[in-house]
Amino acid sequence: MPVLISAIAHDWVYKNHNWKEDSFKAALFEHKIYEDRKVAEHMQKKQFELMMMAQQMNPMMGMGMPGGMGGPGAGPGMSGMGF
């Protein structure tokens, strides 16, 4: 899910602002956006909301199925969200 969200976000930035992915990523790291606690918490909240929406659309997610909330990469309390 995080890769999909990232791809959609980069497509949106390119379409609306004509910034290529590499330039956009460089700006995010240059300005240390990921080190801001409020931004990190907001991103985690939104990613959790997307996972819940996906689970509602496909109830098999979260039941130990690959890619589900309990699938590979899910740490304790992390819900497989990459944080």
Protein backbone atom coordinates (compact mmCIF):
# COMPACT_ATOMS: atom_id res chain seq x y z
CA MET A 1 0.00 0.00 0.00
CA PRO A 2 2.73 2.57 0.77
CA VAL A 3 4.26 2.09 -2.69
CA LEU A 4 0.88 2.62 -4.34
CA ILE A 5 0.23 5.76 -2.30
CA SER A 6 3.68 7.10 -3.17
CA ALA A 7 3.17 6.45 -6.89
CA ILE A 8 -0.21 8.20 -6.88
CA ALA A 9 1.23 11.15 -4.95
CA HIS A 10 4.16 11.56 -7.35
CA ASP A 11 1.83 11.35 -10.35
CA TRP A 12 -0.37 14.05 -8.81
CA VAL A 13 2.62 16.34 -8.10
CA TYR A 14 3.89 15.91 -11.67
CA LYS A 15 0.46 16.48 -13.24
CA ASN A 16 -0.37 19.54 -11.15
CA HIS A 17 3.06 21.11 -10.61
CA ASN A 18 5.28 19.59 -13.33
CA TRP A 19 7.83 18.38 -10.75
CA LYS A 20 9.48 15.09 -11.60
CA GLU A 21 9.67 12.43 -8.89
CA ASP A 22 13.42 12.76 -8.30
CA SER A 23 13.21 16.54 -7.87
CA PHE A 24 10.22 16.26 -5.56
CA LYS A 25 11.91 13.59 -3.40
CA ALA A 26 15.07 15.70 -3.21
CA ALA A 27 13.03 18.69 -1.99
CA LEU A 28 11.29 16.58 0.67
CA PHE A 29 14.62 15.40 2.06
CA GLU A 30 16.32 18.80 1.71
CA HIS A 31 13.60 20.42 3.81
CA LYS A 32 13.56 17.44 6.22
CA ILE A 33 9.78 17.11 5.94
CA TYR A 34 9.86 13.54 7.23
CA GLU A 35 11.55 14.63 10.47
CA ASP A 36 8.59 16.81 11.45
CA ARG A 37 6.61 14.84 14.06
CA LYS A 38 3.26 16.41 13.11
CA VAL A 39 3.77 15.56 9.44
CA ALA A 40 4.79 11.98 10.28
CA GLU A 41 1.74 11.52 12.53
CA HIS A 42 -0.56 12.97 9.87
CA MET A 43 0.89 10.69 7.19
CA GLN A 44 0.51 7.64 9.44
CA LYS A 45 -3.10 8.57 10.23
CA LYS A 46 -3.97 8.97 6.55
CA GLN A 47 -2.26 5.71 5.63
CA PHE A 48 -4.24 3.91 8.35
CA GLU A 49 -7.47 5.46 7.00
CA LEU A 50 -6.62 4.19 3.51
CA MET A 51 -5.94 0.71 4.87
CA MET A 52 -9.30 0.73 6.65
CA MET A 53 -11.05 1.79 3.43
CA ALA A 54 -9.27 -0.99 1.53
CA GLN A 55 -10.30 -3.51 4.19
CA GLN A 56 -13.94 -2.42 3.91
CA MET A 57 -13.77 -2.95 0.15
CA ASN A 58 -12.03 -6.34 0.56
CA PRO A 59 -12.83 -8.05 3.88
CA MET A 60 -10.12 -10.68 3.21
CA MET A 61 -7.51 -8.01 3.97
CA GLY A 62 -6.40 -8.11 7.56
CA MET A 63 -7.10 -11.82 7.91
CA GLY A 64 -3.51 -12.94 7.40
CA MET A 65 -3.71 -12.65 3.62
CA PRO A 66 -0.56 -11.41 1.87
CA GLY A 67 -0.65 -7.62 1.70
CA GLY A 68 -3.36 -7.46 4.36
CA MET A 69 -3.03 -5.55 7.59
CA GLY A 70 -1.72 -8.68 9.27
CA GLY A 71 0.45 -9.73 6.35
CA PRO A 72 4.20 -9.76 5.90
CA GLY A 73 5.99 -6.73 7.27
CA ALA A 74 3.41 -6.02 9.94
CA GLY A 75 5.14 -5.35 13.21
CA PRO A 76 3.46 -5.09 16.60
CA GLY A 77 0.98 -2.22 16.38
CA MET A 78 2.25 -1.19 12.98
CA SER A 79 -0.45 -2.78 10.84
CA GLY A 80 2.07 -3.32 8.02
CA MET A 81 2.08 0.39 7.22
CA GLY A 82 5.81 0.78 6.84
CA PHE A 83 6.27 2.96 9.94
